[in-house]
N, C-alpha and C. Protein backbone atom coordinates (compact mmCIF):
# COMPACT_ATOMS: atom_id res chain seq x y z
N MET A 1 44.69 -133.68 -19.03
CA MET A 1 45.49 -132.61 -18.37
C MET A 1 44.61 -132.04 -17.33
N PRO A 2 45.17 -131.91 -15.99
CA PRO A 2 44.54 -131.27 -14.92
C PRO A 2 44.14 -129.94 -15.22
N GLY A 3 43.13 -129.48 -14.75
CA GLY A 3 42.71 -127.99 -14.99
C GLY A 3 42.05 -127.74 -16.27
N VAL A 4 42.08 -128.57 -17.25
CA VAL A 4 41.29 -128.34 -18.55
C VAL A 4 40.05 -129.22 -18.49
N LYS A 5 38.88 -128.47 -18.56
CA LYS A 5 37.74 -129.30 -18.59
C LYS A 5 37.56 -130.19 -19.94
N ARG A 6 37.31 -131.36 -19.81
CA ARG A 6 37.15 -132.07 -20.98
C ARG A 6 35.54 -132.14 -21.37
N ARG A 7 35.43 -131.76 -22.66
CA ARG A 7 34.14 -131.70 -23.11
C ARG A 7 33.58 -133.16 -23.52
N GLY A 8 32.46 -133.56 -22.97
CA GLY A 8 31.95 -134.83 -23.26
C GLY A 8 31.23 -134.68 -24.65
N ARG A 9 30.98 -135.90 -25.09
CA ARG A 9 30.23 -136.04 -26.40
C ARG A 9 28.73 -135.59 -26.04
N ARG A 10 28.40 -134.86 -27.05
CA ARG A 10 27.02 -134.24 -27.13
C ARG A 10 26.09 -135.24 -27.59
N ARG A 11 25.04 -135.57 -26.92
CA ARG A 11 24.17 -136.62 -27.35
C ARG A 11 23.11 -135.92 -28.26
N PRO A 12 22.71 -136.76 -29.30
CA PRO A 12 21.68 -136.22 -30.18
C PRO A 12 20.33 -136.27 -29.38
N PRO A 13 19.41 -135.45 -29.84
CA PRO A 13 18.11 -135.60 -29.14
C PRO A 13 17.44 -136.80 -29.38
N VAL A 14 16.54 -137.36 -28.54
CA VAL A 14 15.96 -138.39 -28.59
C VAL A 14 14.97 -138.43 -29.87
N THR A 15 14.32 -137.31 -30.19
CA THR A 15 13.44 -137.32 -31.22
C THR A 15 14.01 -136.25 -32.28
N THR A 16 13.76 -136.54 -33.48
CA THR A 16 14.18 -135.51 -34.61
C THR A 16 13.49 -134.22 -34.40
N GLN A 17 14.35 -133.14 -34.46
CA GLN A 17 13.81 -131.91 -34.32
C GLN A 17 14.00 -131.03 -35.63
N GLY A 18 12.97 -130.24 -36.07
CA GLY A 18 13.21 -129.47 -37.18
C GLY A 18 12.59 -129.89 -38.48
N THR A 19 12.08 -131.10 -38.47
CA THR A 19 11.39 -131.61 -39.61
C THR A 19 9.95 -132.04 -39.30
N LEU A 20 9.04 -131.77 -40.14
CA LEU A 20 7.66 -132.05 -39.91
C LEU A 20 7.21 -133.08 -40.97
N PRO A 21 6.31 -133.93 -40.58
CA PRO A 21 5.61 -134.86 -41.63
C PRO A 21 4.99 -134.02 -42.67
N PRO A 22 4.86 -134.63 -43.94
CA PRO A 22 4.12 -133.93 -44.91
C PRO A 22 2.62 -133.74 -44.59
N GLU A 23 2.13 -132.66 -45.36
CA GLU A 23 0.66 -132.44 -45.09
C GLU A 23 -0.11 -133.63 -45.46
N GLY A 24 -1.06 -133.92 -44.72
CA GLY A 24 -1.93 -135.05 -45.04
C GLY A 24 -1.40 -136.46 -44.64
N ALA A 25 -0.37 -136.50 -43.82
CA ALA A 25 0.27 -137.75 -43.58
C ALA A 25 -0.49 -138.67 -42.47
N GLY A 26 -1.42 -137.97 -41.93
CA GLY A 26 -2.18 -138.74 -40.82
C GLY A 26 -2.86 -139.86 -41.41
N ALA A 27 -3.11 -140.83 -40.50
CA ALA A 27 -3.76 -142.03 -40.91
C ALA A 27 -5.14 -141.73 -41.42
N ALA A 28 -5.56 -142.48 -42.50
CA ALA A 28 -6.87 -142.25 -43.04
C ALA A 28 -7.99 -142.65 -42.10
N LEU A 29 -7.81 -143.64 -41.31
CA LEU A 29 -8.78 -144.11 -40.29
C LEU A 29 -8.16 -144.07 -38.87
N GLY A 30 -8.92 -144.10 -37.89
CA GLY A 30 -8.47 -143.99 -36.60
C GLY A 30 -7.67 -145.26 -36.16
N ARG A 31 -7.06 -145.15 -34.82
CA ARG A 31 -6.22 -146.15 -34.38
C ARG A 31 -6.96 -147.48 -34.07
N GLY A 32 -8.21 -147.35 -33.82
CA GLY A 32 -9.12 -148.53 -33.60
C GLY A 32 -9.15 -149.62 -34.62
N HIS A 33 -8.62 -149.24 -35.74
CA HIS A 33 -8.70 -150.07 -37.01
C HIS A 33 -7.29 -150.81 -37.21
N ALA A 34 -7.18 -151.91 -37.84
CA ALA A 34 -5.95 -152.53 -38.14
C ALA A 34 -5.13 -151.73 -39.15
N LEU A 35 -3.77 -151.85 -39.17
CA LEU A 35 -2.92 -151.06 -39.95
C LEU A 35 -3.27 -151.06 -41.34
N PRO A 36 -3.57 -152.18 -42.06
CA PRO A 36 -3.96 -152.04 -43.46
C PRO A 36 -5.21 -151.17 -43.71
N LEU A 37 -6.15 -151.30 -42.83
CA LEU A 37 -7.27 -150.37 -42.98
C LEU A 37 -7.06 -148.96 -42.67
N ARG A 38 -6.19 -148.67 -41.68
CA ARG A 38 -5.93 -147.39 -41.45
C ARG A 38 -5.12 -146.73 -42.51
N GLN A 39 -4.34 -147.37 -43.17
CA GLN A 39 -3.66 -146.91 -44.37
C GLN A 39 -4.20 -147.36 -45.62
N TRP A 40 -5.56 -147.45 -45.67
CA TRP A 40 -6.20 -147.87 -46.95
C TRP A 40 -5.81 -147.27 -48.23
N PRO A 41 -5.43 -145.92 -48.29
CA PRO A 41 -5.11 -145.50 -49.60
C PRO A 41 -3.93 -146.11 -50.25
N ILE A 42 -2.89 -146.25 -49.49
CA ILE A 42 -1.67 -146.90 -50.01
C ILE A 42 -1.88 -148.39 -50.18
N THR A 43 -2.68 -149.02 -49.32
CA THR A 43 -3.02 -150.37 -49.49
C THR A 43 -3.74 -150.70 -50.87
N LEU A 44 -4.68 -149.72 -51.08
CA LEU A 44 -5.39 -149.93 -52.31
C LEU A 44 -4.53 -149.61 -53.63
N VAL A 45 -3.65 -148.68 -53.56
CA VAL A 45 -2.74 -148.43 -54.67
C VAL A 45 -1.81 -149.60 -54.85
N LEU A 46 -1.24 -150.29 -53.81
CA LEU A 46 -0.30 -151.30 -53.93
C LEU A 46 -1.04 -152.53 -54.37
N ALA A 47 -2.38 -152.76 -53.98
CA ALA A 47 -3.13 -153.82 -54.36
C ALA A 47 -3.31 -153.73 -55.94
N LEU A 48 -3.58 -152.58 -56.37
CA LEU A 48 -3.83 -152.46 -57.92
C LEU A 48 -2.48 -152.61 -58.66
N ALA A 49 -1.37 -152.24 -58.07
CA ALA A 49 -0.12 -152.40 -58.75
C ALA A 49 0.26 -153.88 -58.81
N LEU A 50 -0.08 -154.67 -57.68
CA LEU A 50 0.16 -156.06 -57.55
C LEU A 50 -0.69 -156.95 -58.63
N THR A 51 -1.89 -156.31 -58.58
CA THR A 51 -2.84 -157.00 -59.68
C THR A 51 -2.39 -156.84 -61.06
N GLY A 52 -1.81 -155.62 -61.34
CA GLY A 52 -1.24 -155.32 -62.66
C GLY A 52 -0.10 -156.25 -62.88
N LEU A 53 0.71 -156.49 -61.88
CA LEU A 53 1.90 -157.32 -62.12
C LEU A 53 1.43 -158.75 -62.20
N LEU A 54 0.53 -159.21 -61.56
CA LEU A 54 0.01 -160.59 -61.83
C LEU A 54 -0.70 -160.84 -63.18
N ILE A 55 -1.37 -159.88 -63.62
CA ILE A 55 -2.04 -159.95 -64.94
C ILE A 55 -0.98 -159.92 -66.01
N THR A 56 0.11 -159.31 -65.85
CA THR A 56 1.27 -159.16 -66.71
C THR A 56 1.96 -160.64 -66.77
N TRP A 57 2.09 -161.12 -65.56
CA TRP A 57 2.76 -162.44 -65.46
C TRP A 57 1.99 -163.59 -66.04
N GLN A 58 0.64 -163.40 -66.18
CA GLN A 58 -0.27 -164.29 -66.77
C GLN A 58 -0.08 -164.37 -68.27
N GLY A 59 0.57 -163.28 -68.82
CA GLY A 59 0.85 -163.23 -70.32
C GLY A 59 0.10 -162.08 -71.06
N HIS A 60 -0.75 -161.31 -70.25
CA HIS A 60 -1.51 -160.26 -70.83
C HIS A 60 -0.77 -158.96 -70.48
N PHE A 61 0.27 -158.63 -71.27
CA PHE A 61 1.13 -157.49 -70.81
C PHE A 61 0.54 -156.22 -71.04
N ARG A 62 -0.36 -156.00 -72.05
CA ARG A 62 -0.96 -154.60 -72.11
C ARG A 62 -1.92 -154.35 -70.99
N LEU A 63 -2.75 -155.40 -70.68
CA LEU A 63 -3.72 -155.14 -69.72
C LEU A 63 -3.03 -154.98 -68.32
N GLY A 64 -2.06 -155.86 -68.06
CA GLY A 64 -1.38 -155.80 -66.78
C GLY A 64 -0.60 -154.42 -66.61
N LEU A 65 0.08 -153.98 -67.68
CA LEU A 65 0.75 -152.74 -67.50
C LEU A 65 -0.21 -151.56 -67.51
N LEU A 66 -1.37 -151.72 -68.04
CA LEU A 66 -2.42 -150.58 -67.89
C LEU A 66 -2.87 -150.49 -66.42
N ALA A 67 -3.00 -151.55 -65.86
CA ALA A 67 -3.45 -151.61 -64.46
C ALA A 67 -2.33 -151.16 -63.55
N LEU A 68 -1.04 -151.47 -63.88
CA LEU A 68 0.12 -151.03 -63.15
C LEU A 68 0.21 -149.42 -63.26
N GLY A 69 -0.06 -148.94 -64.59
CA GLY A 69 0.00 -147.48 -64.69
C GLY A 69 -1.15 -146.74 -64.04
N ALA A 70 -2.20 -147.51 -63.82
CA ALA A 70 -3.36 -146.94 -63.20
C ALA A 70 -3.18 -146.63 -61.75
N ALA A 71 -2.23 -147.59 -61.15
CA ALA A 71 -2.04 -147.38 -59.70
C ALA A 71 -1.42 -146.04 -59.18
N PRO A 72 -0.42 -145.54 -59.88
CA PRO A 72 0.08 -144.30 -59.48
C PRO A 72 -1.08 -143.09 -59.82
N LEU A 73 -1.74 -143.29 -60.84
CA LEU A 73 -2.82 -142.45 -61.14
C LEU A 73 -3.91 -142.37 -60.07
N LEU A 74 -4.28 -143.55 -59.57
CA LEU A 74 -5.10 -143.51 -58.57
C LEU A 74 -4.55 -142.94 -57.27
N GLY A 75 -3.30 -143.22 -57.05
CA GLY A 75 -2.57 -142.64 -55.89
C GLY A 75 -2.65 -141.02 -55.91
N ALA A 76 -2.37 -140.51 -57.05
CA ALA A 76 -2.42 -139.20 -57.26
C ALA A 76 -3.71 -138.53 -57.07
N LEU A 77 -4.79 -139.20 -57.52
CA LEU A 77 -6.12 -138.74 -57.37
C LEU A 77 -6.57 -138.81 -55.84
N LEU A 78 -6.12 -139.85 -55.18
CA LEU A 78 -6.49 -140.03 -53.75
C LEU A 78 -5.62 -138.89 -52.89
N ARG A 79 -4.34 -138.76 -53.35
CA ARG A 79 -3.46 -137.68 -52.54
C ARG A 79 -4.15 -136.21 -52.80
N LEU A 80 -4.72 -136.10 -53.97
CA LEU A 80 -5.34 -134.73 -54.32
C LEU A 80 -6.68 -134.54 -53.64
N GLY A 81 -7.44 -135.56 -53.67
CA GLY A 81 -8.80 -135.46 -53.09
C GLY A 81 -8.99 -135.62 -51.51
N LEU A 82 -8.17 -136.48 -50.94
CA LEU A 82 -8.38 -136.73 -49.47
C LEU A 82 -7.49 -135.92 -48.63
N PRO A 83 -8.07 -135.43 -47.42
CA PRO A 83 -7.34 -134.70 -46.52
C PRO A 83 -6.17 -135.43 -45.89
N ASP A 84 -6.42 -136.68 -45.60
CA ASP A 84 -5.38 -137.52 -44.91
C ASP A 84 -5.15 -138.85 -45.66
N VAL A 85 -4.06 -139.12 -46.11
CA VAL A 85 -3.87 -140.40 -46.89
C VAL A 85 -2.73 -141.23 -46.31
N GLY A 86 -2.22 -140.88 -45.06
CA GLY A 86 -1.28 -141.89 -44.28
C GLY A 86 0.02 -141.84 -45.19
N MET A 87 0.46 -143.16 -45.32
CA MET A 87 1.79 -143.36 -45.99
C MET A 87 1.92 -143.06 -47.46
N LEU A 88 0.74 -142.69 -47.93
CA LEU A 88 0.75 -142.28 -49.35
C LEU A 88 1.37 -140.74 -49.51
N ALA A 89 1.29 -140.09 -48.39
CA ALA A 89 1.94 -138.73 -48.27
C ALA A 89 3.47 -138.90 -48.10
N VAL A 90 4.20 -138.43 -48.99
CA VAL A 90 5.73 -138.55 -48.91
C VAL A 90 6.31 -137.21 -48.79
N ARG A 91 5.98 -136.35 -49.67
CA ARG A 91 6.39 -135.08 -49.87
C ARG A 91 5.26 -134.06 -49.84
N SER A 92 5.46 -132.87 -50.32
CA SER A 92 4.34 -131.93 -50.36
C SER A 92 3.20 -132.51 -51.19
N ARG A 93 1.96 -132.04 -50.99
CA ARG A 93 0.87 -132.60 -51.85
C ARG A 93 1.21 -132.25 -53.38
N PHE A 94 1.63 -131.08 -53.68
CA PHE A 94 1.96 -130.80 -55.11
C PHE A 94 2.93 -131.74 -55.72
N THR A 95 4.09 -132.04 -54.99
CA THR A 95 5.13 -132.80 -55.58
C THR A 95 4.50 -134.37 -55.70
N ASP A 96 3.77 -134.75 -54.67
CA ASP A 96 3.32 -136.20 -54.67
C ASP A 96 2.29 -136.38 -55.98
N VAL A 97 1.36 -135.38 -56.02
CA VAL A 97 0.44 -135.56 -57.06
C VAL A 97 1.15 -135.42 -58.37
N THR A 98 2.02 -134.54 -58.63
CA THR A 98 2.81 -134.24 -59.99
C THR A 98 3.52 -135.50 -60.27
N LEU A 99 4.28 -135.94 -59.35
CA LEU A 99 5.08 -137.09 -59.79
C LEU A 99 4.27 -138.43 -60.01
N MET A 100 3.17 -138.65 -59.29
CA MET A 100 2.51 -139.77 -59.55
C MET A 100 1.68 -139.68 -60.88
N PHE A 101 1.25 -138.44 -61.06
CA PHE A 101 0.50 -138.28 -62.40
C PHE A 101 1.41 -138.56 -63.64
N VAL A 102 2.73 -137.94 -63.64
CA VAL A 102 3.68 -138.23 -64.60
C VAL A 102 4.10 -139.58 -64.66
N LEU A 103 4.37 -140.18 -63.58
CA LEU A 103 4.77 -141.62 -63.54
C LEU A 103 3.72 -142.52 -64.22
N GLY A 104 2.43 -142.38 -63.71
CA GLY A 104 1.21 -143.29 -64.23
C GLY A 104 1.08 -142.89 -65.68
N GLY A 105 1.08 -141.64 -66.00
CA GLY A 105 0.85 -141.23 -67.39
C GLY A 105 1.79 -141.81 -68.35
N VAL A 106 3.05 -141.82 -68.09
CA VAL A 106 4.11 -142.28 -68.89
C VAL A 106 4.05 -143.82 -69.05
N ILE A 107 3.69 -144.51 -68.02
CA ILE A 107 3.48 -145.93 -67.88
C ILE A 107 2.28 -146.27 -68.91
N VAL A 108 1.28 -145.53 -68.79
CA VAL A 108 -0.01 -145.82 -69.58
C VAL A 108 0.29 -145.51 -71.15
N LEU A 109 0.96 -144.43 -71.40
CA LEU A 109 1.34 -143.91 -72.70
C LEU A 109 2.21 -144.93 -73.43
N LEU A 110 3.34 -145.36 -72.66
CA LEU A 110 4.20 -146.28 -73.30
C LEU A 110 3.48 -147.71 -73.57
N THR A 111 2.65 -148.15 -72.62
CA THR A 111 1.80 -149.36 -72.85
C THR A 111 0.98 -149.09 -74.13
N LEU A 112 0.36 -148.02 -74.36
CA LEU A 112 -0.61 -147.90 -75.44
C LEU A 112 0.19 -147.79 -76.82
N VAL A 113 1.43 -147.40 -76.70
CA VAL A 113 2.23 -147.29 -78.11
C VAL A 113 3.15 -148.37 -78.23
N ALA A 114 3.04 -149.48 -77.31
CA ALA A 114 4.05 -150.50 -77.45
C ALA A 114 3.81 -151.40 -78.63
N GLN A 115 4.96 -151.92 -79.22
CA GLN A 115 4.88 -152.79 -80.36
C GLN A 115 4.76 -154.23 -79.93
N PRO A 116 4.13 -155.12 -80.71
CA PRO A 116 3.50 -154.99 -81.99
C PRO A 116 2.02 -154.48 -81.86
N ASP A 117 1.60 -154.13 -82.93
CA ASP A 117 0.11 -153.50 -83.06
C ASP A 117 -0.29 -152.60 -81.92
N PRO A 118 0.40 -151.42 -81.89
CA PRO A 118 -0.04 -150.51 -80.81
C PRO A 118 -1.51 -150.07 -80.78
N TRP A 119 -2.08 -149.93 -79.68
CA TRP A 119 -3.41 -149.48 -79.44
C TRP A 119 -3.49 -147.85 -79.83
N LEU A 120 -2.44 -147.17 -79.74
CA LEU A 120 -2.44 -145.78 -80.06
C LEU A 120 -1.27 -145.52 -80.98
N ARG A 121 -1.61 -144.77 -81.99
CA ARG A 121 -0.54 -144.41 -82.94
C ARG A 121 -0.30 -142.96 -82.76
N VAL A 122 1.08 -142.57 -82.60
CA VAL A 122 1.47 -141.22 -82.38
C VAL A 122 2.43 -141.02 -83.58
N PRO A 123 1.96 -140.09 -84.59
CA PRO A 123 2.80 -139.86 -85.74
C PRO A 123 4.21 -139.22 -85.37
N VAL A 124 4.38 -138.44 -84.38
CA VAL A 124 5.63 -138.00 -83.98
C VAL A 124 6.57 -139.13 -83.64
N LEU A 125 6.08 -140.15 -82.92
CA LEU A 125 6.88 -141.21 -82.50
C LEU A 125 7.35 -142.08 -83.76
N GLU A 126 6.41 -142.30 -84.79
CA GLU A 126 6.61 -142.98 -85.93
C GLU A 126 7.65 -142.10 -86.74
N ASN A 127 7.72 -140.86 -86.85
CA ASN A 127 8.79 -140.10 -87.55
C ASN A 127 10.05 -140.19 -86.84
N ILE A 128 10.06 -140.13 -85.58
CA ILE A 128 11.38 -140.33 -84.94
C ILE A 128 11.96 -141.70 -85.15
N GLY A 129 11.08 -142.76 -85.20
CA GLY A 129 11.64 -144.04 -85.58
C GLY A 129 12.17 -144.18 -86.94
N ARG A 130 11.64 -143.46 -87.96
CA ARG A 130 12.25 -143.49 -89.22
C ARG A 130 13.52 -142.63 -89.26
N LEU A 131 13.66 -141.62 -88.46
CA LEU A 131 14.90 -140.83 -88.49
C LEU A 131 16.10 -141.54 -87.84
N ILE A 132 15.85 -142.49 -86.89
CA ILE A 132 16.95 -143.14 -86.39
C ILE A 132 17.11 -144.63 -87.15
N GLY A 133 16.35 -144.79 -88.14
CA GLY A 133 16.40 -146.04 -88.93
C GLY A 133 15.84 -147.21 -88.63
N HIS A 134 14.81 -147.09 -87.57
CA HIS A 134 13.86 -148.16 -87.30
C HIS A 134 12.50 -147.84 -87.51
N PRO A 135 11.97 -148.19 -88.61
CA PRO A 135 10.54 -147.86 -88.88
C PRO A 135 9.60 -148.62 -88.04
N MET A 136 8.62 -147.83 -87.59
CA MET A 136 7.68 -148.53 -86.66
C MET A 136 6.55 -148.98 -87.68
N ARG A 137 5.84 -150.11 -87.42
CA ARG A 137 4.90 -150.58 -88.23
C ARG A 137 3.59 -150.52 -87.52
């Protein structure tokens, strides 16, 4: 229609505005180093998790799962103790540390109480097993 100004599409900004990276998301080492070295905290955590998977694949499920559970625990300690951890920082420091400690702790606990012949006996879990009709030995 003549006389009516047609509004064009509004272009989004080139960069995202209004969001900030999490605290501690800076690279652990400077740009002069290769990417795996700059991001050494997450590289170390992923290497430990991969080692746990390989040990599990070799048939030693308890040792492998303990290493796999140790990976997020190591990540939580690194996130808690280091000022910059690169890509290991996803959310706030509190949230990252809490989630990694809970995840790693649950994996380790479940590995320790896994049947047959658990390395850790938890009487509460044995009573729950009897209540639902599956006695734990």
